[in-house]
Protein backbone atom coordinates (compact mmCIF):
# COMPACT_ATOMS: atom_id res chain seq x y z
CA LEU A 1 0.00 0.00 0.00
CA GLU A 2 1.73 3.17 -1.19
CA ILE A 3 0.31 6.55 -0.32
CA ASP A 4 1.33 9.90 -1.71
CA PRO A 5 0.73 12.34 1.18
CA LEU A 6 0.39 15.23 -1.25
CA ASP A 7 -2.35 13.61 -3.34
CA HIS A 8 -5.56 13.74 -1.30
CA ASP A 9 -7.65 12.33 -4.16
CA GLN A 10 -5.41 9.32 -4.68
CA PRO A 11 -7.36 6.08 -5.03
CA ILE A 12 -6.14 3.51 -2.57
CA THR A 13 -6.26 -0.18 -3.33
CA THR A 14 -6.03 -2.79 -0.64
CA PRO A 15 -5.63 -6.55 -0.61
CA GLU A 16 -8.74 -8.69 -0.96
CA LYS A 17 -8.59 -9.83 2.64
CA VAL A 18 -7.59 -7.73 5.59
CA PRO A 19 -7.00 -9.67 8.80
CA PRO A 20 -9.53 -8.86 11.56
CA ASN A 21 -6.74 -7.69 13.84
CA SER A 22 -5.89 -5.03 11.22
CA ILE A 23 -9.41 -3.65 11.47
CA ILE A 24 -9.16 -3.60 15.26
CA ALA A 25 -5.78 -1.87 15.00
CA ALA A 26 -7.23 0.68 12.55
CA ARG A 27 -10.09 1.46 14.94
CA ALA A 28 -7.69 1.81 17.87
CA LEU A 29 -5.40 4.09 15.85
CA LEU A 30 -8.26 6.31 14.73
CA ALA A 31 -9.61 6.42 18.28
CA GLY A 32 -6.22 7.50 19.57
CA LEU A 33 -5.83 10.17 16.90
CA SER A 34 -9.30 11.59 17.39
CA GLY A 35 -9.55 11.27 21.17
CA GLN A 36 -12.64 9.08 20.91
CA GLU A 37 -13.40 5.68 22.35
CA THR A 38 -12.80 2.79 19.96
CA SER A 39 -16.52 1.97 19.99
CA GLN A 40 -17.30 5.52 18.82
CA ILE A 41 -15.39 5.12 15.57
CA ASP A 42 -17.83 4.66 12.72
CA PHE A 43 -16.42 3.97 9.30
CA TYR A 44 -18.34 5.62 6.53
CA ALA A 45 -17.41 7.75 3.59
CA GLU A 46 -18.93 11.17 3.79
CA GLU A 47 -18.26 14.34 1.91
CA PRO A 48 -18.03 17.38 4.15
CA SER A 49 -21.23 19.36 4.37
CA GLU A 50 -21.46 22.92 3.11
CA GLU A 51 -21.58 24.07 6.74
CA GLN A 52 -18.34 22.22 7.51
CA LEU A 53 -16.64 23.77 4.49
CA ILE A 54 -17.79 27.26 5.47
CA GLU A 55 -16.62 26.72 9.05
CA ALA A 56 -13.21 25.48 7.87
CA ARG A 57 -12.81 28.52 5.61
CA GLN A 58 -13.80 30.87 8.44
CA ARG A 59 -11.27 29.29 10.78
CA ALA A 60 -8.55 29.55 8.15
CA ARG A 61 -9.36 33.23 7.58
CA ALA A 62 -9.38 33.92 11.34
CA ALA A 63 -6.01 32.21 11.76
CA THR A 64 -4.57 34.19 8.85
CA ALA A 65 -5.94 37.44 10.28
CA LEU A 66 -4.46 36.65 13.68
CA VAL A 67 -1.00 36.02 12.23
CA THR A 68 -1.26 39.16 10.08
CA ARG A 69 -2.26 41.32 13.07
CA ARG A 70 0.58 39.92 15.17
CA ASN A 71 3.02 40.59 12.37
CA GLN A 72 1.88 44.20 11.90
CA SER A 73 1.88 45.11 15.59
CA LYS A 74 5.15 43.42 16.51
CA HIS A 75 7.33 43.77 13.43
CA ASN A 76 9.83 46.09 15.18
CA ASN A 77 10.18 43.97 18.31
CA PRO A 78 12.83 41.20 17.86
CA PRO A 79 11.56 38.91 20.68
CA ALA A 80 8.05 39.20 19.28
CA GLN A 81 9.38 38.35 15.82
CA LEU A 82 10.87 35.14 17.22
CA MET A 83 7.57 34.31 18.87
CA LEU A 84 5.72 35.00 15.63
CA ALA A 85 8.13 32.73 13.75
CA PHE A 86 7.59 30.02 16.36
CA ASP A 87 3.81 30.46 16.13
CA GLN A 88 4.04 30.12 12.35
CA VAL A 89 6.09 26.93 12.64
CA LEU A 90 3.51 25.52 15.04
CA ALA A 91 0.67 26.48 12.70
CA ASP A 92 2.46 24.83 9.77
CA LEU A 93 3.06 21.67 11.78
CA GLU A 94 -0.55 21.61 12.90
CA THR A 95 -1.69 21.92 9.28
CA LYS A 96 0.61 19.10 8.17
CA LEU A 97 -0.51 16.89 11.05
CA LEU A 98 -4.15 17.53 10.20
CA GLN A 99 -3.49 16.65 6.54
CA GLN A 100 -1.76 13.41 7.55
CA TYR A 101 -4.58 12.59 9.97
CA ARG A 102 -7.20 13.08 7.26
CA LEU A 103 -5.21 10.97 4.82
CA LEU A 104 -4.77 8.21 7.38
CA GLN A 105 -8.40 8.39 8.39
CA GLY A 106 -9.48 8.08 4.76
CA THR A 107 -7.14 5.16 4.18
CA LEU A 108 -8.30 3.31 7.27
CA THR A 109 -11.92 4.04 6.45
CA GLN A 110 -11.52 2.59 2.97
CA ILE A 111 -9.85 -0.53 4.36
CA VAL A 112 -12.55 -1.14 6.95
CA LYS A 113 -15.42 -0.33 4.56
CA GLN A 114 -14.37 -3.22 2.37
CA PHE A 115 -15.10 -5.69 5.15
């Protein structure tokens, strides 16, 4: 199973049979990543609703506005510049982690849906 982390629309093929312990492991992994109980993990493919898309866009705009405001108000203060750079690194890492989580969640969902 090869996954390109940059291609979110990549079709994923899996073997005909997945051992039951793999499904249990997938549920446990998703539960750990999402902070839910294993029994709360429901595998189904669902496109995000329009509300979810709007909310995601609003959060992205708010985060961008926050970084922009910090940058404008603190651009002459060297310690604040370091903090801004650190905040940006954290934001980038959070974005990458979220992308990897979504990719993994989609992969595991596809595997479990087949069985």
